[in-house]
N, C-alpha and C. Protein backbone atom coordinates (compact mmCIF):
# COMPACT_ATOMS: atom_id res chain seq x y z
N UNK A 1 -31.14 9.25 -3.48
CA UNK A 1 -30.48 8.80 -5.11
C UNK A 1 -30.68 7.12 -5.85
N UNK A 2 -31.84 7.74 -6.95
CA UNK A 2 -31.10 6.76 -7.61
C UNK A 2 -30.65 6.91 -8.91
N UNK A 3 -30.60 8.54 -9.47
CA UNK A 3 -30.70 8.90 -11.10
C UNK A 3 -28.93 8.89 -11.20
N UNK A 4 -28.75 8.69 -12.51
CA UNK A 4 -27.41 8.42 -12.68
C UNK A 4 -26.97 10.14 -12.82
N UNK A 5 -27.73 11.38 -12.97
CA UNK A 5 -27.15 12.87 -12.71
C UNK A 5 -26.90 12.97 -11.85
N UNK A 6 -28.00 12.11 -10.86
CA UNK A 6 -26.99 12.09 -9.15
C UNK A 6 -26.49 12.10 -9.00
N UNK A 7 -25.33 10.84 -9.29
CA UNK A 7 -24.68 10.26 -8.43
C UNK A 7 -23.51 11.47 -9.47
N UNK A 8 -23.49 11.71 -10.73
CA UNK A 8 -23.04 12.58 -11.70
C UNK A 8 -22.52 14.15 -10.73
N UNK A 9 -23.66 14.31 -10.82
CA UNK A 9 -23.30 16.13 -9.77
C UNK A 9 -23.23 15.76 -8.23
N UNK A 10 -23.15 14.63 -7.69
CA UNK A 10 -22.54 14.62 -5.86
C UNK A 10 -21.04 14.58 -6.39
N UNK A 11 -20.77 13.96 -7.15
CA UNK A 11 -19.18 13.44 -7.45
C UNK A 11 -18.69 14.78 -8.19
N UNK A 12 -19.21 15.55 -8.83
CA UNK A 12 -18.74 16.80 -9.75
C UNK A 12 -18.44 17.41 -8.49
N UNK A 13 -19.22 17.45 -7.20
CA UNK A 13 -18.85 18.65 -5.60
C UNK A 13 -17.71 18.19 -5.42
N UNK A 14 -16.62 17.15 -5.32
CA UNK A 14 -16.01 16.94 -4.60
C UNK A 14 -15.02 17.69 -4.38
N UNK A 15 -15.08 18.13 -6.07
CA UNK A 15 -13.51 19.49 -6.17
C UNK A 15 -12.85 18.57 -6.68
N UNK A 16 -12.02 19.34 -7.98
CA UNK A 16 -11.68 19.10 -9.28
C UNK A 16 -11.12 17.74 -9.61
N UNK A 17 -12.78 17.27 -10.21
CA UNK A 17 -13.21 15.98 -10.63
C UNK A 17 -13.85 16.28 -11.89
N UNK A 18 -13.52 15.69 -12.44
CA UNK A 18 -14.24 15.40 -13.91
C UNK A 18 -15.12 13.82 -14.51
N UNK A 19 -16.00 14.25 -15.12
CA UNK A 19 -16.47 13.29 -15.91
C UNK A 19 -16.14 12.80 -16.82
N UNK A 20 -16.09 11.42 -17.83
CA UNK A 20 -14.99 11.06 -18.63
C UNK A 20 -16.12 9.67 -18.80
N UNK A 21 -16.18 9.64 -20.12
CA UNK A 21 -16.60 8.40 -21.24
C UNK A 21 -15.63 7.68 -22.34
N UNK A 22 -14.93 6.96 -21.81
CA UNK A 22 -13.95 6.46 -22.46
C UNK A 22 -14.23 5.39 -23.19
N UNK A 23 -15.28 4.87 -23.19
CA UNK A 23 -15.99 3.60 -23.46
C UNK A 23 -17.25 3.71 -24.93
N UNK A 24 -16.59 2.89 -25.95
CA UNK A 24 -17.95 3.01 -26.67
C UNK A 24 -18.98 2.92 -26.42
N UNK A 25 -19.24 2.42 -25.52
CA UNK A 25 -20.53 1.92 -24.96
C UNK A 25 -20.92 3.06 -23.67
N UNK A 26 -21.26 3.51 -23.97
CA UNK A 26 -22.07 5.06 -23.47
C UNK A 26 -22.74 5.04 -22.00
N UNK A 27 -22.95 3.66 -22.12
CA UNK A 27 -23.43 3.71 -20.45
C UNK A 27 -22.33 4.06 -19.32
N UNK A 28 -21.37 3.72 -19.56
CA UNK A 28 -20.61 3.58 -18.34
C UNK A 28 -20.01 5.54 -18.25
N UNK A 29 -19.96 5.62 -17.17
CA UNK A 29 -19.49 7.10 -16.18
C UNK A 29 -17.94 7.33 -15.92
N UNK A 30 -17.92 7.85 -16.39
CA UNK A 30 -16.16 7.50 -15.29
C UNK A 30 -16.02 8.81 -14.81
N UNK A 31 -15.52 8.51 -13.13
CA UNK A 31 -15.91 10.17 -12.48
C UNK A 31 -14.04 10.17 -11.95
N UNK A 32 -13.55 11.20 -12.07
CA UNK A 32 -12.04 11.04 -12.65
C UNK A 32 -11.34 12.32 -11.49
N UNK A 33 -10.44 12.28 -10.82
CA UNK A 33 -10.00 13.12 -10.54
C UNK A 33 -9.31 13.96 -11.69
N UNK A 34 -8.72 14.92 -11.32
CA UNK A 34 -8.18 16.15 -12.15
C UNK A 34 -6.48 15.83 -12.32
N UNK A 35 -6.08 15.64 -11.30
CA UNK A 35 -4.73 15.53 -10.57
C UNK A 35 -3.75 14.76 -11.25
N UNK A 36 -4.23 12.97 -10.82
CA UNK A 36 -4.16 11.98 -11.62
C UNK A 36 -4.67 11.05 -12.08
N UNK A 37 -5.98 11.42 -12.57
CA UNK A 37 -6.87 10.85 -13.89
C UNK A 37 -7.27 9.28 -13.03
N UNK A 38 -7.11 9.12 -12.10
CA UNK A 38 -7.80 8.12 -11.23
C UNK A 38 -9.18 8.43 -10.89
N UNK A 39 -10.14 6.84 -11.35
CA UNK A 39 -11.55 6.81 -11.86
C UNK A 39 -11.80 6.66 -9.89
N UNK A 40 -12.64 7.45 -9.20
CA UNK A 40 -13.17 6.72 -8.09
C UNK A 40 -14.54 6.37 -8.26
N UNK A 41 -15.54 6.78 -9.19
CA UNK A 41 -16.73 6.15 -9.57
C UNK A 41 -16.78 5.83 -10.96
N UNK A 42 -17.95 4.31 -11.22
CA UNK A 42 -18.23 3.87 -12.54
C UNK A 42 -19.34 3.67 -11.93
N UNK A 43 -20.53 4.39 -12.63
CA UNK A 43 -21.35 4.61 -12.95
C UNK A 43 -22.43 4.39 -14.37
N UNK A 44 -22.81 3.63 -13.99
CA UNK A 44 -23.90 2.75 -15.20
C UNK A 44 -24.91 2.15 -15.05
N UNK A 45 -26.40 1.62 -15.70
CA UNK A 45 -27.17 1.09 -15.57
C UNK A 45 -27.48 -0.17 -15.73
N UNK A 46 -27.54 -1.03 -14.75
CA UNK A 46 -27.78 -2.55 -14.92
C UNK A 46 -28.68 -3.35 -15.05
N UNK A 47 -29.33 -4.13 -15.92
CA UNK A 47 -30.75 -5.18 -14.64
C UNK A 47 -31.45 -3.60 -14.88
N UNK A 48 -32.26 -2.28 -15.20
CA UNK A 48 -33.17 -1.64 -14.90
C UNK A 48 -32.83 -0.46 -13.45
N UNK A 49 -31.37 -0.80 -12.99
CA UNK A 49 -30.86 0.37 -12.04
C UNK A 49 -29.13 0.73 -12.24
N UNK A 50 -29.50 1.95 -11.81
CA UNK A 50 -28.35 2.74 -11.97
C UNK A 50 -27.41 1.94 -10.44
N UNK A 51 -25.91 1.78 -11.13
CA UNK A 51 -25.50 0.96 -10.38
C UNK A 51 -23.52 1.97 -10.46
N UNK A 52 -23.52 2.46 -9.39
CA UNK A 52 -21.77 3.10 -9.12
C UNK A 52 -20.60 1.97 -8.52
N UNK A 53 -19.83 1.84 -8.47
CA UNK A 53 -18.73 1.38 -8.52
C UNK A 53 -17.75 2.07 -7.57
N UNK A 54 -17.59 1.71 -6.43
CA UNK A 54 -17.04 3.00 -5.46
C UNK A 54 -15.54 1.79 -5.00
N UNK A 55 -14.37 2.50 -5.02
CA UNK A 55 -13.45 1.77 -4.18
C UNK A 55 -13.37 1.40 -2.82
N UNK A 56 -13.04 0.77 -1.67
CA UNK A 56 -13.27 0.59 -0.44
C UNK A 56 -12.16 0.60 0.08
N UNK A 57 -11.52 0.61 1.89
CA UNK A 57 -11.24 -0.15 2.21
C UNK A 57 -11.03 -1.16 2.53
N UNK A 58 -9.79 -2.15 2.59
CA UNK A 58 -10.05 -3.70 2.85
C UNK A 58 -11.61 -3.82 4.11
N UNK A 59 -11.23 -3.71 4.93
CA UNK A 59 -11.85 -3.37 6.36
C UNK A 59 -13.57 -2.74 6.23
N UNK A 60 -13.51 -2.33 5.21
CA UNK A 60 -14.72 -1.51 4.66
C UNK A 60 -15.96 -2.31 4.12
N UNK A 61 -14.81 -3.38 3.36
CA UNK A 61 -15.77 -3.71 1.78
C UNK A 61 -16.78 -4.71 2.44
N UNK A 62 -16.43 -5.73 3.41
CA UNK A 62 -17.96 -6.86 3.76
C UNK A 62 -18.41 -6.22 4.82
N UNK A 63 -18.10 -4.78 5.73
CA UNK A 63 -18.91 -4.21 6.41
C UNK A 63 -19.88 -3.33 5.60
N UNK A 64 -20.01 -3.37 4.33
CA UNK A 64 -21.03 -2.50 3.55
C UNK A 64 -21.79 -3.69 3.11
N UNK A 65 -21.11 -4.66 2.77
CA UNK A 65 -21.64 -5.64 2.08
C UNK A 65 -22.87 -6.74 2.79
N UNK A 66 -22.21 -6.44 4.15
CA UNK A 66 -22.88 -7.40 5.42
C UNK A 66 -24.14 -6.54 6.07
N UNK A 67 -24.21 -5.34 5.74
CA UNK A 67 -25.26 -3.81 6.46
C UNK A 67 -26.44 -3.96 5.41
N UNK A 68 -26.15 -3.86 4.26
CA UNK A 68 -26.78 -3.37 2.76
C UNK A 68 -27.22 -4.69 1.69
N UNK A 69 -28.05 -5.18 1.91
CA UNK A 69 -28.41 -6.42 0.20
C UNK A 69 -27.67 -5.54 -0.96
N UNK A 70 -27.91 -4.40 -1.02
CA UNK A 70 -27.48 -3.94 -2.69
C UNK A 70 -26.38 -3.17 -2.60
N UNK A 71 -25.81 -3.47 -1.25
CA UNK A 71 -23.86 -3.05 -1.69
C UNK A 71 -23.29 -4.52 -1.92
N UNK A 72 -22.73 -5.37 -3.25
CA UNK A 72 -21.97 -5.76 -3.64
C UNK A 72 -20.68 -6.34 -4.01
N UNK A 73 -20.19 -7.21 -4.40
CA UNK A 73 -18.98 -7.00 -4.63
C UNK A 73 -19.02 -6.73 -6.85
N UNK A 74 -17.92 -5.65 -6.75
CA UNK A 74 -18.23 -4.91 -7.68
C UNK A 74 -18.06 -5.60 -8.77
N UNK A 75 -19.26 -5.16 -10.31
CA UNK A 75 -19.28 -5.79 -11.14
C UNK A 75 -17.84 -4.95 -11.97
N UNK A 76 -17.71 -6.07 -12.68
CA UNK A 76 -16.35 -5.46 -13.52
C UNK A 76 -14.73 -5.31 -13.04
N UNK A 77 -14.74 -4.75 -11.63
CA UNK A 77 -13.95 -5.15 -10.99
C UNK A 77 -12.89 -5.62 -10.25
N UNK A 78 -12.39 -4.91 -10.05
CA UNK A 78 -11.82 -6.42 -8.55
C UNK A 78 -12.53 -6.62 -7.78
N UNK A 79 -12.35 -7.56 -6.69
CA UNK A 79 -14.12 -7.41 -5.59
C UNK A 79 -13.43 -7.50 -4.40
N UNK A 80 -11.93 -6.90 -4.84
CA UNK A 80 -11.18 -7.16 -3.21
C UNK A 80 -10.55 -5.82 -2.39
N UNK A 81 -10.72 -4.91 -3.90
CA UNK A 81 -10.88 -3.22 -3.56
C UNK A 81 -12.36 -2.76 -3.78
N UNK A 82 -13.43 -3.28 -4.76
CA UNK A 82 -14.41 -2.19 -5.18
C UNK A 82 -15.47 -2.72 -4.93
N UNK A 83 -16.55 -2.00 -4.47
CA UNK A 83 -17.96 -2.68 -3.85
C UNK A 83 -18.91 -1.50 -5.10
N UNK A 84 -19.90 -2.68 -5.90
CA UNK A 84 -21.25 -1.98 -6.37
C UNK A 84 -22.34 -1.70 -5.25
N UNK A 85 -22.27 0.03 -5.61
CA UNK A 85 -23.84 -0.12 -4.80
C UNK A 85 -25.02 0.13 -5.85
N UNK A 86 -25.89 -0.75 -6.15
CA UNK A 86 -26.73 -0.63 -6.52
C UNK A 86 -28.42 0.67 -6.47
N UNK A 87 -28.54 1.71 -6.80
CA UNK A 87 -29.43 2.52 -6.24
C UNK A 87 -31.01 2.21 -6.72
N UNK A 88 -30.73 1.38 -5.52
CA UNK A 88 -32.72 0.99 -6.03
C UNK A 88 -33.56 1.30 -4.41
N UNK A 89 -32.77 2.54 -3.79
CA UNK A 89 -33.51 2.97 -2.75
C UNK A 89 -33.65 2.39 -1.24
N UNK A 90 -32.58 1.22 -0.61
CA UNK A 90 -32.65 0.88 0.48
C UNK A 90 -31.82 1.02 0.85
N UNK A 91 -30.45 1.76 -0.03
CA UNK A 91 -28.83 2.60 0.99
C UNK A 91 -29.24 3.73 1.24
N UNK A 92 -29.51 4.48 2.34
CA UNK A 92 -29.99 5.56 2.82
C UNK A 92 -28.86 6.56 2.07
N UNK A 93 -29.09 7.64 1.30
CA UNK A 93 -28.39 8.97 0.93
C UNK A 93 -27.09 9.03 1.57
N UNK A 94 -26.87 9.21 2.75
CA UNK A 94 -26.01 9.74 3.39
C UNK A 94 -25.04 8.17 3.48
N UNK A 95 -25.14 7.46 3.38
CA UNK A 95 -24.52 6.02 3.73
C UNK A 95 -23.80 5.78 1.95
N UNK A 96 -25.03 6.21 0.90
CA UNK A 96 -24.34 6.14 0.13
C UNK A 96 -22.84 7.30 -0.66
N UNK A 97 -23.31 8.56 -0.26
CA UNK A 97 -22.39 9.82 0.19
C UNK A 97 -21.12 9.34 0.84
N UNK A 98 -20.82 8.90 2.27
CA UNK A 98 -19.66 8.57 2.38
C UNK A 98 -18.82 7.20 1.55
N UNK A 99 -19.71 6.49 1.10
CA UNK A 99 -18.96 5.40 0.06
C UNK A 99 -18.27 6.28 -0.52
N UNK A 100 -18.49 6.88 -1.42
CA UNK A 100 -18.34 7.38 -2.46
C UNK A 100 -17.17 9.12 -2.09
N UNK A 101 -17.35 9.32 -0.83
CA UNK A 101 -16.19 10.19 -0.23
C UNK A 101 -14.82 9.28 -0.17
N UNK A 102 -15.39 8.11 0.38
CA UNK A 102 -14.43 7.17 0.99
C UNK A 102 -13.53 6.89 -0.22
N UNK A 103 -14.33 6.21 -1.61
CA UNK A 103 -13.54 6.38 -2.69
C UNK A 103 -12.81 7.44 -3.55
N UNK A 104 -13.11 8.28 -3.15
CA UNK A 104 -12.50 9.94 -4.01
C UNK A 104 -11.12 9.82 -3.05
N UNK A 105 -11.20 9.46 -1.26
CA UNK A 105 -10.13 10.00 -0.72
C UNK A 105 -9.34 8.91 -1.09
N UNK A 106 -9.47 7.71 -0.96
CA UNK A 106 -8.49 6.49 -1.83
C UNK A 106 -7.28 6.89 -2.99
N UNK A 107 -8.41 7.10 -3.86
CA UNK A 107 -8.21 7.52 -5.30
C UNK A 107 -7.53 8.68 -5.09
N UNK A 108 -7.02 9.00 -4.38
CA UNK A 108 -6.75 11.04 -4.93
C UNK A 108 -5.02 11.15 -4.36
N UNK A 109 -4.78 9.56 -3.57
CA UNK A 109 -3.89 9.70 -3.03
C UNK A 109 -2.92 9.35 -4.52
N UNK A 110 -1.46 10.75 -4.59
CA UNK A 110 -0.45 10.14 -5.15
C UNK A 110 0.03 9.22 -5.45
N UNK A 111 0.56 8.82 -7.00
CA UNK A 111 2.08 7.11 -6.80
C UNK A 111 3.26 8.18 -6.98
N UNK A 112 3.59 9.24 -6.89
CA UNK A 112 4.62 9.70 -7.14
C UNK A 112 5.40 9.63 -6.26
N UNK A 113 6.38 9.09 -6.68
CA UNK A 113 7.68 8.47 -5.84
C UNK A 113 9.04 9.39 -5.27
N UNK A 114 9.04 9.64 -4.21
CA UNK A 114 10.45 10.19 -3.61
C UNK A 114 11.61 10.23 -4.25
N UNK A 115 12.13 11.23 -4.49
CA UNK A 115 13.72 10.97 -5.55
C UNK A 115 14.41 11.44 -4.02
N UNK A 116 15.24 10.59 -3.66
CA UNK A 116 16.42 10.37 -2.65
C UNK A 116 17.78 10.49 -2.93
N UNK A 117 17.76 10.91 -4.32
CA UNK A 117 19.19 11.02 -4.78
C UNK A 117 19.76 12.69 -5.02
N UNK A 118 18.73 13.63 -4.59
CA UNK A 118 19.22 14.76 -4.48
C UNK A 118 19.86 15.55 -3.54
């Protein structure tokens, strides 16, 4: 995976998702859940490469960063929760897919409150 279109296409296959362009800068594609509108992937071009920001569980943040030099603390997001994947061909596609799937699952969770007063 090296192209924006490939990343968007994969994210759309996750189910109940859509692509969004909420900023004036059309460089930023946000992949969101339909139900809760939460973003699970930020896709953008930087330094002539496509980057994808994905949410990670705390234990996996450093794991991915240590294994691949093209997985770095997230550009423009909280570095304690998000990584950036630089699509330069050094991270195997299956690993990219896994990071996107993890981000999808982490952001799919609902923040709805339980009403105990019924």
